[in-house]
N, C-alpha and C. Protein backbone atom coordinates (compact mmCIF):
# COMPACT_ATOMS: atom_id res chain seq x y z
N UNK A 1 104.58 74.38 83.10
CA UNK A 1 103.51 73.97 83.54
C UNK A 1 103.41 73.97 84.98
N UNK A 2 104.40 73.59 85.47
CA UNK A 2 104.63 73.35 87.04
C UNK A 2 104.03 74.85 87.75
N UNK A 3 104.41 76.07 87.43
CA UNK A 3 104.04 77.23 88.14
C UNK A 3 102.66 77.57 87.71
N UNK A 4 102.07 76.98 86.31
CA UNK A 4 100.80 77.16 86.17
C UNK A 4 99.83 76.39 87.26
N UNK A 5 100.34 75.06 87.50
CA UNK A 5 99.32 74.21 88.32
C UNK A 5 99.60 74.99 89.73
N UNK A 6 100.94 75.37 90.01
CA UNK A 6 100.81 75.94 91.78
C UNK A 6 99.94 77.28 91.46
N UNK A 7 99.88 78.05 90.65
CA UNK A 7 99.00 79.14 90.47
C UNK A 7 97.68 78.67 90.79
N UNK A 8 97.28 77.63 90.05
CA UNK A 8 95.70 77.11 89.98
C UNK A 8 95.40 76.66 91.50
N UNK A 9 96.54 75.92 92.10
CA UNK A 9 96.20 75.54 93.37
C UNK A 9 96.32 76.48 94.45
N UNK A 10 96.64 77.70 94.10
CA UNK A 10 96.73 78.77 94.98
C UNK A 10 95.14 79.46 94.73
N UNK A 11 94.66 79.61 93.52
CA UNK A 11 93.49 80.43 93.55
C UNK A 11 92.45 79.31 93.86
N UNK A 12 92.65 78.08 93.86
CA UNK A 12 91.45 77.04 94.38
C UNK A 12 91.61 77.35 95.82
N UNK A 13 92.59 77.26 96.48
CA UNK A 13 92.72 77.67 98.12
C UNK A 13 92.38 78.72 98.70
N UNK A 14 92.49 80.00 97.86
CA UNK A 14 92.19 81.22 98.22
C UNK A 14 90.58 81.05 98.21
N UNK A 15 89.96 80.51 97.15
CA UNK A 15 88.53 80.47 96.94
C UNK A 15 88.07 79.57 98.28
N UNK A 16 88.52 78.39 98.56
CA UNK A 16 88.30 77.96 99.73
C UNK A 16 88.23 78.60 101.27
N UNK A 17 89.33 79.34 101.35
CA UNK A 17 89.36 80.22 102.28
C UNK A 17 88.49 81.20 102.36
N UNK A 18 87.70 81.23 101.48
CA UNK A 18 86.65 82.26 101.50
C UNK A 18 85.10 81.64 101.79
N UNK A 19 85.28 80.24 102.16
CA UNK A 19 84.15 79.37 102.64
C UNK A 19 83.47 80.12 103.71
N UNK A 20 82.14 80.02 104.14
CA UNK A 20 81.47 80.25 105.42
C UNK A 20 81.76 79.12 106.34
N UNK A 21 82.23 78.03 106.04
CA UNK A 21 82.68 76.82 106.73
C UNK A 21 84.03 76.94 107.48
N UNK A 22 84.13 77.33 108.59
CA UNK A 22 85.44 77.32 109.42
C UNK A 22 86.46 76.09 109.19
N UNK A 23 85.90 74.88 108.94
CA UNK A 23 86.51 73.77 108.57
C UNK A 23 87.18 73.91 107.07
N UNK A 24 86.54 74.30 106.28
CA UNK A 24 87.03 74.78 104.91
C UNK A 24 88.17 75.79 105.25
N UNK A 25 88.00 76.79 105.64
CA UNK A 25 88.90 77.84 106.16
C UNK A 25 90.15 77.33 106.72
N UNK A 26 90.09 76.51 107.65
CA UNK A 26 91.31 76.08 108.22
C UNK A 26 92.04 75.08 107.51
N UNK A 27 91.35 74.44 106.60
CA UNK A 27 92.13 73.36 105.61
C UNK A 27 92.76 74.37 104.52
N UNK A 28 91.89 75.38 104.13
CA UNK A 28 92.66 76.28 103.31
C UNK A 28 93.77 76.98 103.57
N UNK A 29 93.88 77.48 104.89
CA UNK A 29 95.09 78.20 105.39
C UNK A 29 96.33 77.08 105.52
N UNK A 30 96.05 76.08 106.07
CA UNK A 30 97.11 74.86 106.55
C UNK A 30 97.45 74.57 105.19
N UNK A 31 96.92 74.59 104.14
CA UNK A 31 97.36 74.12 102.71
C UNK A 31 98.09 75.15 102.16
N UNK A 32 97.50 76.42 102.03
CA UNK A 32 97.83 77.66 101.27
C UNK A 32 99.21 77.89 101.86
N UNK A 33 99.70 77.53 103.32
CA UNK A 33 100.89 77.77 103.97
C UNK A 33 101.92 77.22 102.97
N UNK A 34 101.75 76.10 102.03
CA UNK A 34 102.96 75.58 101.40
C UNK A 34 103.10 76.59 100.12
N UNK A 35 102.43 77.39 100.03
CA UNK A 35 102.57 78.47 98.92
C UNK A 35 102.79 79.72 99.32
N UNK A 36 103.29 80.07 100.65
CA UNK A 36 103.64 81.15 101.22
C UNK A 36 104.63 82.01 100.15
N UNK A 37 105.22 81.42 99.55
CA UNK A 37 106.48 82.34 98.97
C UNK A 37 105.79 82.93 97.67
N UNK A 38 104.73 82.53 97.20
CA UNK A 38 103.75 83.17 96.12
C UNK A 38 103.26 84.24 96.40
N UNK A 39 103.54 85.41 96.03
CA UNK A 39 102.81 86.79 96.01
C UNK A 39 101.34 86.93 96.45
N UNK A 40 100.94 86.04 95.53
CA UNK A 40 99.11 86.03 95.30
C UNK A 40 98.60 85.18 96.62
N UNK A 41 99.46 84.33 97.29
CA UNK A 41 99.03 83.85 98.70
C UNK A 41 99.17 84.70 99.90
N UNK A 42 99.99 85.51 99.63
CA UNK A 42 100.35 86.68 101.14
C UNK A 42 99.06 86.94 101.62
N UNK A 43 98.26 87.87 100.92
CA UNK A 43 97.25 88.46 101.63
C UNK A 43 96.01 87.56 102.07
N UNK A 44 95.64 86.62 101.16
CA UNK A 44 94.87 85.76 101.81
C UNK A 44 95.30 84.94 102.92
N UNK A 45 96.49 84.67 103.08
CA UNK A 45 97.24 83.81 104.58
C UNK A 45 97.13 84.72 105.16
N UNK A 46 97.28 86.19 105.35
CA UNK A 46 97.24 87.04 106.44
C UNK A 46 95.80 87.10 106.98
N UNK A 47 94.63 87.04 105.91
CA UNK A 47 93.25 86.93 106.24
C UNK A 47 92.94 85.85 107.18
N UNK A 48 93.33 84.70 106.81
CA UNK A 48 93.16 83.26 107.36
C UNK A 48 93.96 83.38 108.98
N UNK A 49 95.33 83.91 108.78
CA UNK A 49 95.46 83.89 110.29
C UNK A 49 94.95 84.83 111.33
N UNK A 50 94.33 85.82 110.82
CA UNK A 50 93.49 86.63 111.67
C UNK A 50 91.99 86.75 111.27
N UNK A 51 91.66 85.19 110.97
CA UNK A 51 90.04 85.02 110.63
C UNK A 51 89.25 85.68 111.81
N UNK A 52 88.30 86.28 111.41
CA UNK A 52 87.46 86.72 112.29
C UNK A 52 86.34 85.93 112.73
N UNK A 53 86.07 84.84 112.21
CA UNK A 53 84.98 83.95 112.53
C UNK A 53 85.33 82.71 113.48
N UNK A 54 86.65 82.24 113.55
CA UNK A 54 86.92 81.12 114.44
C UNK A 54 88.45 81.26 114.61
N UNK A 55 88.70 81.23 115.74
CA UNK A 55 90.29 80.99 116.18
C UNK A 55 90.97 79.94 115.40
N UNK A 56 90.15 78.65 115.51
CA UNK A 56 90.91 77.50 115.01
C UNK A 56 91.58 77.71 113.66
N UNK A 57 90.97 78.42 112.98
CA UNK A 57 91.44 78.94 111.57
C UNK A 57 92.87 79.75 111.71
N UNK A 58 92.74 80.51 112.60
CA UNK A 58 93.99 81.35 113.01
C UNK A 58 95.12 80.21 113.42
N UNK A 59 94.76 79.54 114.46
CA UNK A 59 95.86 78.34 114.89
C UNK A 59 96.39 77.19 113.76
N UNK A 60 95.47 76.89 112.74
CA UNK A 60 95.86 75.99 111.89
C UNK A 60 96.60 76.51 110.85
N UNK A 61 96.42 77.86 110.44
CA UNK A 61 97.23 78.64 109.35
C UNK A 61 98.31 79.02 109.87
N UNK A 62 98.26 79.28 111.03
CA UNK A 62 99.62 79.97 111.67
C UNK A 62 100.66 78.62 111.82
N UNK A 63 99.95 77.43 112.32
CA UNK A 63 100.96 76.31 112.47
C UNK A 63 101.48 75.98 111.10
N UNK A 64 100.87 76.00 110.00
CA UNK A 64 101.31 75.62 108.89
C UNK A 64 102.27 76.48 108.50
N UNK A 65 102.19 77.82 108.42
CA UNK A 65 103.16 78.90 108.13
C UNK A 65 104.43 78.55 108.85
N UNK A 66 104.24 78.55 110.31
CA UNK A 66 105.49 78.25 111.24
C UNK A 66 106.22 76.97 110.79
N UNK A 67 105.58 75.95 110.59
CA UNK A 67 106.35 74.63 110.43
C UNK A 67 107.37 74.85 108.89
N UNK A 68 107.31 76.08 108.21
CA UNK A 68 107.79 76.04 107.20
C UNK A 68 109.18 76.37 107.59
N UNK A 69 109.41 77.04 108.69
CA UNK A 69 110.44 77.49 109.26
C UNK A 69 111.29 78.41 108.28
N UNK A 70 110.73 79.24 107.40
CA UNK A 70 111.48 79.76 106.43
C UNK A 70 110.92 81.49 106.64
N UNK A 71 111.85 82.06 106.05
CA UNK A 71 111.16 83.69 105.97
C UNK A 71 110.03 83.89 105.47
N UNK A 72 109.57 83.30 104.38
CA UNK A 72 108.15 83.48 103.81
C UNK A 72 107.07 83.35 104.84
N UNK A 73 107.21 81.95 105.62
CA UNK A 73 105.82 81.77 106.47
C UNK A 73 106.36 82.62 107.49
N UNK A 74 107.47 82.83 108.33
CA UNK A 74 107.56 83.59 109.67
C UNK A 74 107.38 84.95 109.21
N UNK A 75 107.30 85.88 108.14
CA UNK A 75 107.11 86.86 107.68
C UNK A 75 105.63 87.23 107.62
N UNK A 76 104.82 86.18 107.40
CA UNK A 76 103.22 86.64 107.39
C UNK A 76 102.94 86.34 108.71
N UNK A 77 103.35 85.40 109.56
CA UNK A 77 102.72 85.39 111.01
C UNK A 77 103.36 86.36 111.68
N UNK A 78 104.44 87.07 111.33
CA UNK A 78 104.86 88.42 112.01
C UNK A 78 104.20 89.43 111.64
N UNK A 79 103.83 89.43 110.33
CA UNK A 79 102.79 90.50 110.05
C UNK A 79 101.69 90.61 110.42
N UNK A 80 101.02 89.39 110.76
CA UNK A 80 99.85 89.04 111.37
C UNK A 80 99.86 89.59 112.85
N UNK A 81 100.96 89.02 113.39
CA UNK A 81 100.84 89.29 115.19
C UNK A 81 101.17 90.94 115.16
N UNK A 82 101.64 91.57 114.36
CA UNK A 82 101.87 92.98 114.74
C UNK A 82 100.30 93.90 114.67
N UNK A 83 99.62 93.20 113.95
CA UNK A 83 97.88 93.53 113.82
C UNK A 83 96.90 92.87 114.90
N UNK A 84 97.39 91.73 115.22
CA UNK A 84 96.61 90.77 115.74
C UNK A 84 96.04 91.45 117.15
N UNK A 85 94.63 91.19 117.65
CA UNK A 85 94.12 91.44 119.15
C UNK A 85 94.75 90.44 119.87
N UNK A 86 94.04 90.33 121.27
CA UNK A 86 94.77 89.71 122.24
C UNK A 86 94.58 88.30 121.78
N UNK A 87 93.27 88.10 121.45
CA UNK A 87 92.89 86.66 121.31
C UNK A 87 93.40 85.94 120.21
N UNK A 88 93.57 86.50 119.04
CA UNK A 88 94.51 85.98 118.22
C UNK A 88 95.79 86.05 118.27
N UNK A 89 96.20 86.85 119.12
CA UNK A 89 97.79 86.64 119.28
C UNK A 89 97.89 85.65 120.59
N UNK A 90 97.02 85.30 121.15
CA UNK A 90 97.18 83.94 122.08
C UNK A 90 97.07 82.77 121.26
N UNK A 91 96.32 82.77 120.31
CA UNK A 91 96.33 81.60 119.31
C UNK A 91 97.44 81.34 118.51
N UNK A 92 98.19 82.40 117.86
CA UNK A 92 99.31 82.47 117.25
C UNK A 92 100.48 82.02 118.20
N UNK A 93 100.33 82.28 119.36
CA UNK A 93 101.58 81.93 120.48
C UNK A 93 101.20 80.49 120.77
N UNK A 94 100.18 80.02 120.82
CA UNK A 94 99.79 78.63 120.72
C UNK A 94 100.24 77.96 119.64
N UNK A 95 100.12 78.20 118.57
CA UNK A 95 100.68 77.61 117.59
C UNK A 95 102.38 77.47 117.44
N UNK A 96 103.12 78.79 117.97
CA UNK A 96 104.48 78.94 118.13
C UNK A 96 104.91 78.04 119.12
N UNK A 97 104.20 77.71 119.99
CA UNK A 97 104.85 76.85 120.92
C UNK A 97 104.61 75.44 120.52
N UNK A 98 103.43 75.10 120.03
CA UNK A 98 103.26 73.64 119.05
C UNK A 98 104.23 73.38 118.39
N UNK A 99 104.90 74.16 117.58
CA UNK A 99 105.78 73.90 116.48
C UNK A 99 107.16 73.77 116.95
N UNK A 100 107.46 74.94 117.77
CA UNK A 100 108.82 75.15 118.21
C UNK A 100 109.24 74.28 119.72
N UNK A 101 108.35 73.54 119.97
CA UNK A 101 108.65 73.06 121.57
C UNK A 101 109.32 71.76 121.48
N UNK A 102 109.85 71.23 120.23
CA UNK A 102 110.29 70.09 120.04
C UNK A 102 111.78 70.09 119.97
N UNK A 103 112.28 70.52 118.69
CA UNK A 103 113.79 70.51 118.07
C UNK A 103 114.22 71.83 118.65
N UNK A 104 115.28 71.86 119.43
CA UNK A 104 116.09 73.27 119.49
C UNK A 104 116.76 73.84 118.16
N UNK A 105 117.16 73.15 117.29
CA UNK A 105 117.68 73.56 115.88
C UNK A 105 116.34 74.31 115.46
N UNK A 106 115.37 73.74 115.04
CA UNK A 106 114.30 74.57 114.52
C UNK A 106 113.89 75.96 115.28
N UNK A 107 114.05 75.66 116.49
CA UNK A 107 113.64 77.08 117.39
C UNK A 107 114.88 77.87 117.11
N UNK A 108 116.31 77.41 117.26
CA UNK A 108 117.24 78.39 116.61
C UNK A 108 117.30 79.11 115.53
N UNK A 109 116.81 78.28 114.47
CA UNK A 109 116.56 78.86 113.23
C UNK A 109 115.65 79.99 112.80
N UNK A 110 114.50 79.70 113.71
CA UNK A 110 113.37 80.67 113.87
C UNK A 110 113.85 81.94 114.74
N UNK A 111 114.62 81.67 115.56
CA UNK A 111 115.03 82.90 116.35
C UNK A 111 116.06 83.76 115.53
N UNK A 112 116.88 83.00 114.65
CA UNK A 112 117.75 83.64 113.82
C UNK A 112 116.88 84.50 112.67
N UNK A 113 115.91 83.69 111.95
CA UNK A 113 115.05 84.45 110.99
C UNK A 113 114.49 85.76 111.57
N UNK A 114 113.73 85.77 112.77
CA UNK A 114 113.16 86.62 113.41
C UNK A 114 114.03 87.67 113.77
N UNK A 115 115.27 87.45 114.06
CA UNK A 115 116.19 88.42 114.50
C UNK A 115 116.34 89.46 113.35
N UNK A 116 116.70 88.64 112.13
CA UNK A 116 116.97 89.32 111.03
C UNK A 116 115.82 90.26 110.66
N UNK A 117 114.43 89.50 110.68
CA UNK A 117 113.38 90.09 110.14
C UNK A 117 112.91 91.60 111.22
N UNK A 118 113.66 91.59 112.42
CA UNK A 118 113.04 92.71 113.19
C UNK A 118 113.81 94.11 112.77
N UNK A 119 114.45 94.07 111.99
CA UNK A 119 115.13 95.24 111.10
C UNK A 119 114.54 95.38 109.65
N UNK A 120 113.59 94.76 109.53
CA UNK A 120 112.95 94.63 108.03
C UNK A 120 112.16 96.14 107.69
N UNK A 121 112.25 96.43 106.42
CA UNK A 121 111.92 97.60 106.01
C UNK A 121 110.65 97.77 106.20
N UNK A 122 109.68 96.77 106.26
CA UNK A 122 108.34 96.62 106.47
C UNK A 122 108.20 96.94 108.08
N UNK A 123 107.42 98.18 108.38
CA UNK A 123 107.55 98.22 109.85
C UNK A 123 106.49 97.19 110.46
N UNK A 124 105.43 96.74 110.07
CA UNK A 124 104.63 95.48 110.16
C UNK A 124 105.25 94.50 110.55
N UNK A 125 105.91 93.89 109.80
CA UNK A 125 106.84 92.62 109.42
C UNK A 125 108.15 92.87 110.81
N UNK A 126 108.37 93.81 111.01
CA UNK A 126 109.37 94.43 111.94
C UNK A 126 108.98 94.18 113.12
N UNK A 127 108.06 94.95 113.55
CA UNK A 127 107.32 94.90 114.84
C UNK A 127 106.75 93.26 115.16
N UNK A 128 106.19 92.85 114.14
CA UNK A 128 105.77 91.39 114.42
C UNK A 128 106.72 90.44 114.80
N UNK A 129 107.64 90.71 114.07
CA UNK A 129 109.08 89.92 114.37
C UNK A 129 109.55 89.93 115.73
N UNK A 130 109.81 91.01 116.18
CA UNK A 130 110.14 91.47 117.58
C UNK A 130 109.07 90.82 118.46
N UNK A 131 108.03 90.89 118.14
CA UNK A 131 106.82 90.14 119.16
C UNK A 131 107.11 88.43 119.20
N UNK A 132 107.11 88.27 117.97
CA UNK A 132 107.47 86.58 117.69
C UNK A 132 108.75 86.32 118.30
N UNK A 133 109.73 87.03 118.29
CA UNK A 133 110.96 86.76 118.94
C UNK A 133 110.86 86.66 120.48
N UNK A 134 109.97 87.45 121.14
CA UNK A 134 109.73 87.38 122.33
C UNK A 134 108.97 85.97 123.11
N UNK A 135 108.30 85.59 121.82
CA UNK A 135 107.17 84.46 122.21
C UNK A 135 108.37 82.87 122.03
N UNK A 136 109.02 83.03 120.82
CA UNK A 136 110.14 82.03 120.98
C UNK A 136 111.08 82.12 121.73
N UNK A 137 111.60 83.16 122.44
CA UNK A 137 112.60 83.12 123.64
C UNK A 137 112.14 82.33 124.84
N UNK A 138 110.61 82.32 125.04
CA UNK A 138 110.12 81.69 126.03
C UNK A 138 109.86 80.35 126.17
N UNK A 139 110.16 79.87 124.86
CA UNK A 139 110.01 78.29 124.38
C UNK A 139 111.40 77.09 124.96
N UNK A 140 111.32 76.46 125.77
CA UNK A 140 112.46 75.41 126.07
C UNK A 140 112.20 74.03 125.57
N UNK A 141 112.66 73.91 124.29
CA UNK A 141 112.45 72.52 123.45
C UNK A 141 112.93 71.43 124.06
N UNK A 142 112.03 70.33 123.70
CA UNK A 142 112.43 69.12 124.61
C UNK A 142 113.76 68.39 123.90
N UNK A 143 113.97 68.62 122.78
CA UNK A 143 115.11 67.92 122.01
C UNK A 143 116.48 68.88 121.97
N UNK A 144 117.57 68.63 122.41
CA UNK A 144 118.51 69.41 121.97
C UNK A 144 119.28 69.55 120.68
N UNK A 145 120.47 70.27 120.51
CA UNK A 145 121.18 69.98 119.02
C UNK A 145 121.20 68.67 118.92
N UNK A 146 121.39 68.37 117.56
CA UNK A 146 121.71 67.21 116.91
C UNK A 146 123.18 66.98 116.62
């Protein structure tokens, strides 16, 4: 039953992500990030990271994906970053700084994962991962290793 409920949640959040209201789309993107490992969430999340109507949706969705600090979330952000215009790329960078400027352990893990993804078979993920690595490399976290 758990997987049925997770699929139902994804379906509901994807529908919310198609709303005309930017607040609904931002909430949907942030919440849908929790399901990034599910194939049916990937394309809607990419669309929300590159939301054409409001860059707050971009920032909020990217932040949710980056906070996962796992391959699923980082791969979606990297894939979006590979095709992002300068404005969207700036807001993805802002989310990246917001998420990874506190704990060096989190930053180190993200850099490790992005390094692995920079050789991904999916060219879009690989290009975006290299771009994300550059962004991460410029961050000096407040708290050092634990």
